[in-house]
Amino acid sequence: MSPMSSPVLVTGAAGFIGMHLCRRLLADGRAVVGIDNLNDYYDPRLKRARLATLEAVEGFAFHQADVSDRVAMAALFDRHAPRQVVHLAAQAGVRYALENPMAYSDSNLTGMTVVLEACRRLRVQHLVFASSSSVYGANRRLPFSERDAVDHPVSLYAATKRANELMAHSYAHLFGLPVTGLRYFTVYGPWGRPDMAIWKFTDALLHGRPIDVYGGGVLSRDFTYIDDTVEATVRLLGAPPPARGSTDPADWNADGPDTSWAPFEVVNLGRSDPVSVNELIAALESITGRRALRNEMGLQPGDVERTFSSTDKLARLTGFTPRVPLDEGLRAFVAWFRDHHRIR
């Protein structure tokens, strides 16, 4: 059975990236099996609204299940027999880990193990999973390259995502499972997450509430528009990494931590254009026509000073680099936000 004739299984399908990815795959004529537990980390009504846009499209099947549920996940894999899997379900957020660390263990560690085992058992042709730019932690080399060491995470969330990469590599080595980890850099756009800065700032501006600004607003992020994120993800999904020569690690002359004898890759997915929080606020002020009320705060545990993606590897593997400028992406988000919340 070819990948095009079997469904793509997407975990976290009611999430921000998950919804957009499913919609793109459906538009490309692919059947999609979506899985999500619809938890209450943020308002489940937003997740159900995203889901409603997918359920209206022929070729989409949804199952409410938790990726850490071994029995349920094994049954779903057996029922649908996917040849390609995109694993996006995870407990997100850097700061929430300070309140509820076990949620990260259950979803990000146990859930990843369950997905890896199901993919191994069914001999899936390619597993793509969400890692994060957070894995770079205390790294100060700019821009962040997949060749950089990522051994000093500064949040539990980042540690679980790095663990996911190592777990995936072990399965690629032991079982020949082709796996690609995507280090997403601050994805934003319509249908985004309420816990992200762009949503919070826009909501505060449009309702005249103060914005909490940490560290004087000098922290910067490599904001990546959702359409670019999906385009890169789809291209990488169609390009599973090959095994490279000898399967004996002793025979492998690796020239960087992003290479392997196994069919495994990690790839940055960012725009390579960091923007400070102060610049972000100024852009949103211009777009909304509102002046921000600032509530100046100190730095928070787990915050990093800057994220900055190298896109060299992504371009080499796919011929594509993210291209939507921040102002254009923000205008699309604000327009969606006003419409979704009926704000004029």
Protein backbone atom coordinates (compact mmCIF):
# COMPACT_ATOMS: atom_id res chain seq x y z
CA MET A 1 0.00 0.00 0.00
CA SER A 2 1.45 3.38 -1.01
CA PRO A 3 1.43 6.40 1.36
CA MET A 4 -1.00 8.22 -0.95
CA SER A 5 -3.58 5.39 -0.76
CA SER A 6 -3.57 5.13 3.03
CA PRO A 7 -4.58 7.77 5.56
CA VAL A 8 -2.15 10.05 7.31
CA LEU A 9 -2.60 9.71 11.06
CA VAL A 10 -2.23 13.07 12.85
CA THR A 11 -2.16 13.29 16.64
CA GLY A 12 -3.08 16.63 18.18
CA ALA A 13 -5.45 17.19 15.25
CA ALA A 14 -7.58 19.71 17.14
CA GLY A 15 -4.51 21.73 18.07
CA PHE A 16 -3.30 24.83 16.27
CA ILE A 17 -0.69 23.31 13.97
CA GLY A 18 -2.62 20.03 13.81
CA MET A 19 -5.79 21.62 12.43
CA HIS A 20 -3.94 23.55 9.74
CA LEU A 21 -1.89 20.51 8.75
CA CYS A 22 -4.99 18.30 8.50
CA ARG A 23 -6.72 20.92 6.39
CA ARG A 24 -3.76 21.09 4.02
CA LEU A 25 -3.51 17.29 3.70
CA LEU A 26 -7.23 17.06 2.97
CA ALA A 27 -6.90 19.79 0.34
CA ASP A 28 -4.12 17.73 -1.24
CA GLY A 29 -6.52 14.79 -1.55
CA ARG A 30 -5.20 12.77 1.38
CA ALA A 31 -7.42 10.92 3.82
CA VAL A 32 -6.65 11.98 7.39
CA VAL A 33 -7.26 10.25 10.72
CA GLY A 34 -7.17 12.82 13.51
CA ILE A 35 -6.60 12.02 17.17
CA ASP A 36 -6.90 14.45 20.08
CA ASN A 37 -7.90 14.19 23.74
CA LEU A 38 -9.48 17.69 23.72
CA ASN A 39 -8.03 18.47 27.15
CA ASP A 40 -8.58 21.72 29.04
CA TYR A 41 -5.04 23.15 29.03
CA TYR A 42 -6.81 25.98 27.24
CA ASP A 43 -10.51 26.41 26.36
CA PRO A 44 -11.70 23.18 24.71
CA ARG A 45 -14.31 25.19 22.82
CA LEU A 46 -11.53 26.53 20.59
CA LYS A 47 -10.35 22.99 19.91
CA ARG A 48 -13.88 21.88 19.07
CA ALA A 49 -14.31 24.88 16.75
CA ARG A 50 -11.11 23.91 14.92
CA LEU A 51 -12.32 20.34 14.75
CA ALA A 52 -15.65 21.43 13.25
CA THR A 53 -13.82 22.95 10.28
CA LEU A 54 -12.20 19.57 9.61
CA GLU A 55 -15.23 17.37 10.15
CA ALA A 56 -17.01 19.28 7.38
CA VAL A 57 -14.42 17.95 4.88
CA GLU A 58 -14.76 14.57 3.21
CA GLY A 59 -11.89 12.23 4.01
CA PHE A 60 -11.44 13.24 7.66
CA ALA A 61 -12.09 10.81 10.52
CA PHE A 62 -11.71 11.88 14.15
CA HIS A 63 -11.17 9.87 17.32
CA GLN A 64 -11.03 11.37 20.81
CA ALA A 65 -8.22 9.53 22.55
CA ASP A 66 -5.14 10.23 24.66
CA VAL A 67 -1.81 9.32 23.11
CA SER A 68 -0.66 7.87 26.43
CA ASP A 69 -3.48 5.30 26.28
CA ARG A 70 -1.68 2.23 24.92
CA VAL A 71 -4.79 0.15 24.31
CA ALA A 72 -6.75 2.88 22.53
CA MET A 73 -3.81 3.94 20.37
CA ALA A 74 -2.93 0.37 19.38
CA ALA A 75 -6.53 -0.21 18.33
CA LEU A 76 -6.62 2.98 16.24
CA PHE A 77 -3.36 2.16 14.49
CA ASP A 78 -4.60 -1.36 13.73
CA ARG A 79 -7.94 -0.07 12.47
CA HIS A 80 -6.54 2.56 10.09
CA ALA A 81 -3.10 1.10 9.22
CA PRO A 82 -1.45 4.45 8.43
CA ARG A 83 1.78 4.49 6.42
CA GLN A 84 2.63 8.05 7.48
CA VAL A 85 2.18 9.52 10.97
CA VAL A 86 2.53 13.12 12.18
CA HIS A 87 2.75 13.20 15.97
CA LEU A 88 1.91 16.69 17.20
CA ALA A 89 0.05 15.87 20.43
CA ALA A 90 1.98 17.09 23.46
CA GLN A 91 1.66 19.09 26.63
CA ALA A 92 2.81 22.49 25.45
CA GLY A 93 4.07 25.55 27.30
CA VAL A 94 7.24 26.39 29.18
CA ARG A 95 5.71 27.91 32.31
CA TYR A 96 2.87 25.46 32.91
CA ALA A 97 5.49 22.80 33.71
CA LEU A 98 6.20 24.64 36.95
CA GLU A 99 2.60 23.92 38.02
CA ASN A 100 1.91 20.51 36.52
CA PRO A 101 5.09 18.61 35.59
CA MET A 102 3.36 15.22 35.47
CA ALA A 103 1.27 16.35 32.50
CA TYR A 104 4.52 16.60 30.52
CA SER A 105 5.66 13.17 31.60
CA ASP A 106 2.33 11.57 30.67
CA SER A 107 1.82 13.25 27.31
CA ASN A 108 5.31 14.00 26.03
CA LEU A 109 7.23 10.97 27.30
CA THR A 110 4.69 8.16 27.67
CA GLY A 111 2.71 9.40 24.67
CA MET A 112 5.82 9.47 22.49
CA THR A 113 6.72 5.93 23.53
CA VAL A 114 3.23 4.71 22.67
CA VAL A 115 3.39 6.32 19.21
CA LEU A 116 6.88 4.98 18.53
CA GLU A 117 5.81 1.47 19.47
CA ALA A 118 2.72 1.63 17.25
CA CYS A 119 4.81 2.90 14.34
CA ARG A 120 7.38 0.16 14.87
CA ARG A 121 4.77 -2.55 15.04
CA LEU A 122 3.00 -1.43 11.86
CA ARG A 123 6.28 -0.63 10.05
CA VAL A 124 5.18 2.92 9.30
CA GLN A 125 7.06 4.42 6.35
CA HIS A 126 7.66 7.80 8.02
CA LEU A 127 7.01 9.28 11.45
CA VAL A 128 7.25 13.07 11.69
CA PHE A 129 6.98 14.52 15.20
CA ALA A 130 6.96 17.94 16.82
CA SER A 131 10.10 18.89 18.66
CA SER A 132 10.72 22.52 19.61
CA SER A 133 13.17 25.39 19.39
CA SER A 134 13.14 25.19 23.19
CA VAL A 135 15.65 22.33 22.99
CA TYR A 136 18.39 24.90 22.32
CA GLY A 137 18.04 26.08 25.92
CA ALA A 138 21.07 28.03 27.08
CA ASN A 139 22.73 27.88 23.65
CA ARG A 140 24.25 31.25 22.70
CA ARG A 141 25.50 30.46 19.19
CA LEU A 142 23.40 32.30 16.62
CA PRO A 143 21.58 31.38 14.53
CA PHE A 144 20.61 28.08 16.16
CA SER A 145 21.82 25.22 14.00
CA GLU A 146 20.87 21.56 14.14
CA ARG A 147 24.60 20.93 14.48
CA ASP A 148 24.71 22.74 17.84
CA ALA A 149 24.81 20.80 21.09
CA VAL A 150 21.47 20.86 22.92
CA ASP A 151 22.45 19.46 26.29
CA HIS A 152 21.34 22.27 28.62
CA PRO A 153 17.54 22.67 28.56
CA VAL A 154 16.20 25.43 30.82
CA SER A 155 12.63 24.12 31.12
CA LEU A 156 11.03 20.73 31.69
CA TYR A 157 9.10 21.15 28.43
CA ALA A 158 12.38 21.54 26.54
CA ALA A 159 13.84 18.53 28.31
CA THR A 160 10.90 16.35 27.25
CA LYS A 161 11.23 17.49 23.65
CA ARG A 162 14.94 16.70 23.61
CA ALA A 163 14.09 13.34 25.15
CA ASN A 164 11.65 12.77 22.28
CA GLU A 165 14.47 13.31 19.80
CA LEU A 166 16.71 10.80 21.55
CA MET A 167 13.89 8.27 21.86
CA ALA A 168 13.10 8.63 18.17
CA HIS A 169 16.73 8.13 17.21
CA SER A 170 16.91 4.90 19.18
CA TYR A 171 13.89 3.54 17.26
CA ALA A 172 15.39 4.66 13.96
CA HIS A 173 18.58 2.76 14.84
CA LEU A 174 17.05 -0.35 16.39
CA PHE A 175 14.15 -0.89 14.00
CA GLY A 176 14.97 1.11 10.88
CA LEU A 177 11.97 3.40 11.49
CA PRO A 178 12.36 6.58 9.41
CA VAL A 179 11.79 9.52 11.77
CA THR A 180 12.01 13.30 11.37
CA GLY A 181 11.81 15.70 14.33
CA LEU A 182 10.68 19.26 13.60
CA ARG A 183 12.08 21.99 15.83
CA TYR A 184 9.23 24.48 15.48
CA PHE A 185 10.06 28.14 16.18
CA THR A 186 7.14 30.12 17.73
CA VAL A 187 4.38 29.33 15.26
CA TYR A 188 1.54 31.86 15.02
CA GLY A 189 -1.45 32.71 12.86
CA PRO A 190 -5.24 32.31 12.66
CA TRP A 191 -6.69 29.73 15.08
CA GLY A 192 -3.57 30.10 17.26
CA ARG A 193 -3.17 29.23 20.93
CA PRO A 194 -4.50 31.50 23.71
CA ASP A 195 -1.38 30.90 25.84
CA MET A 196 0.92 32.44 23.21
CA ALA A 197 2.11 36.05 23.36
CA ILE A 198 0.55 37.20 20.08
CA TRP A 199 -2.91 36.04 21.18
CA LYS A 200 -2.51 37.54 24.67
CA PHE A 201 -1.22 40.88 23.37
CA THR A 202 -3.93 41.19 20.72
CA ASP A 203 -6.66 40.33 23.22
CA ALA A 204 -5.33 42.89 25.71
CA LEU A 205 -4.99 45.63 23.10
CA LEU A 206 -8.49 45.17 21.72
CA HIS A 207 -10.03 45.14 25.21
CA GLY A 208 -7.94 47.92 26.79
CA ARG A 209 -6.21 45.66 29.30
CA PRO A 210 -2.54 45.89 30.35
CA ILE A 211 0.05 43.64 28.73
CA ASP A 212 2.51 41.84 30.97
CA VAL A 213 5.95 42.60 29.47
CA TYR A 214 8.80 40.48 30.80
CA GLY A 215 12.43 41.56 30.94
CA GLY A 216 11.81 44.99 29.47
CA GLY A 217 10.55 43.53 26.20
CA VAL A 218 14.04 42.85 24.86
CA LEU A 219 13.54 39.08 24.59
CA SER A 220 13.20 38.08 20.95
CA ARG A 221 11.62 35.20 19.11
CA ASP A 222 11.80 33.79 15.60
CA PHE A 223 8.09 34.00 14.74
CA THR A 224 6.99 31.56 12.03
CA TYR A 225 3.68 31.91 10.21
CA ILE A 226 1.42 28.86 10.21
CA ASP A 227 1.17 28.53 6.40
CA ASP A 228 4.96 28.37 6.14
CA THR A 229 5.05 25.86 8.98
CA VAL A 230 2.54 23.58 7.26
CA GLU A 231 4.25 23.84 3.88
CA ALA A 232 7.59 22.77 5.35
CA THR A 233 5.96 19.98 7.37
CA VAL A 234 4.20 18.53 4.33
CA ARG A 235 7.38 18.64 2.26
CA LEU A 236 9.36 16.88 4.96
CA LEU A 237 6.61 14.29 5.45
CA GLY A 238 7.08 13.29 1.83
CA ALA A 239 10.85 12.93 2.21
CA PRO A 240 11.63 10.23 4.79
CA PRO A 241 15.31 10.14 5.75
CA PRO A 242 17.29 7.18 4.40
CA ALA A 243 19.59 4.89 6.34
CA ARG A 244 23.16 5.89 5.58
CA GLY A 245 25.63 3.11 4.98
CA SER A 246 26.74 0.93 7.86
CA THR A 247 24.34 0.30 10.74
CA ASP A 248 27.27 -0.06 13.11
CA PRO A 249 27.76 3.21 15.01
CA ALA A 250 31.48 2.44 15.25
CA ASP A 251 31.73 2.74 11.47
CA TRP A 252 29.92 6.08 11.28
CA ASN A 253 32.08 9.18 10.90
CA ALA A 254 29.50 11.71 12.00
CA ASP A 255 30.47 15.34 11.51
CA GLY A 256 27.71 16.83 13.65
CA PRO A 257 25.03 15.88 16.19
CA ASP A 258 22.28 16.27 13.56
CA THR A 259 23.65 13.41 11.42
CA SER A 260 23.30 9.68 11.96
CA TRP A 261 23.79 6.29 10.37
CA ALA A 262 20.09 5.70 11.15
CA PRO A 263 17.12 7.01 9.09
CA PHE A 264 16.70 10.01 11.35
CA GLU A 265 16.73 13.80 11.01
CA VAL A 266 16.05 16.83 13.16
CA VAL A 267 15.18 19.98 11.23
CA ASN A 268 14.72 23.60 12.30
CA LEU A 269 11.49 25.17 11.14
CA GLY A 270 11.71 28.93 11.61
CA ARG A 271 11.90 32.11 9.55
CA SER A 272 15.41 33.15 10.64
CA ASP A 273 14.34 36.69 11.52
CA PRO A 274 14.09 37.28 15.30
CA VAL A 275 11.82 40.07 16.52
CA SER A 276 11.86 41.52 20.04
CA VAL A 277 8.76 41.69 22.21
CA ASN A 278 8.93 45.49 22.02
CA GLU A 279 8.90 45.31 18.21
CA LEU A 280 6.03 42.85 18.30
CA ILE A 281 3.98 45.13 20.53
CA ALA A 282 4.69 48.12 18.27
CA ALA A 283 3.54 46.14 15.21
CA LEU A 284 0.32 45.06 16.93
CA GLU A 285 -0.31 48.65 18.09
CA SER A 286 -0.06 49.79 14.48
CA ILE A 287 -2.35 47.04 13.17
CA THR A 288 -5.03 47.38 15.87
CA GLY A 289 -4.81 51.16 16.18
CA ARG A 290 -4.62 50.77 19.96
CA ARG A 291 -1.94 51.91 22.41
CA ALA A 292 -0.59 49.22 24.72
CA LEU A 293 -0.81 49.57 28.47
CA ARG A 294 2.36 47.92 29.76
CA ASN A 295 2.77 46.05 33.01
CA GLU A 296 6.54 45.67 33.35
CA MET A 297 7.61 42.34 34.86
CA GLY A 298 10.89 40.57 35.61
CA LEU A 299 12.15 37.54 33.74
CA GLN A 300 10.35 34.25 34.35
CA PRO A 301 11.93 30.85 35.04
CA GLY A 302 12.46 28.95 31.79
CA ASP A 303 12.62 32.04 29.56
CA VAL A 304 15.44 32.24 27.03
CA GLU A 305 16.86 35.50 25.70
CA ARG A 306 16.47 34.75 21.99
CA THR A 307 15.47 32.11 19.48
CA PHE A 308 16.96 32.36 15.99
CA SER A 309 16.65 29.56 13.46
CA SER A 310 19.14 28.60 10.82
CA THR A 311 17.14 27.51 7.77
CA ASP A 312 20.04 26.01 5.81
CA LYS A 313 19.09 22.38 6.46
CA LEU A 314 15.40 22.92 5.73
CA ALA A 315 16.27 24.57 2.42
CA ARG A 316 18.65 21.76 1.51
CA LEU A 317 16.12 19.02 2.27
CA THR A 318 13.00 20.67 0.81
CA GLY A 319 14.00 23.62 -1.37
CA PHE A 320 11.76 25.77 0.82
CA THR A 321 12.27 28.40 3.50
CA PRO A 322 9.57 30.26 5.45
CA ARG A 323 8.80 33.56 3.74
CA VAL A 324 5.73 35.29 5.25
CA PRO A 325 6.90 38.54 6.92
CA LEU A 326 5.74 39.22 10.45
CA ASP A 327 3.59 42.25 9.58
CA GLU A 328 1.64 40.26 6.98
CA GLY A 329 1.15 37.32 9.34
CA LEU A 330 0.07 39.55 12.22
CA ARG A 331 -2.51 41.29 10.04
CA ALA A 332 -3.99 37.92 9.11
CA PHE A 333 -4.09 36.86 12.75
CA VAL A 334 -5.69 40.10 13.99
CA ALA A 335 -8.32 39.94 11.23
CA TRP A 336 -9.16 36.36 12.20
CA PHE A 337 -9.19 37.25 15.92
CA ARG A 338 -11.63 40.11 15.37
CA ASP A 339 -13.90 37.93 13.27
CA HIS A 340 -13.75 34.91 15.59
CA HIS A 341 -14.58 37.01 18.67
CA ARG A 342 -16.93 39.39 16.80
CA ILE A 343 -14.86 42.46 17.65
CA ARG A 344 -15.34 45.47 15.39
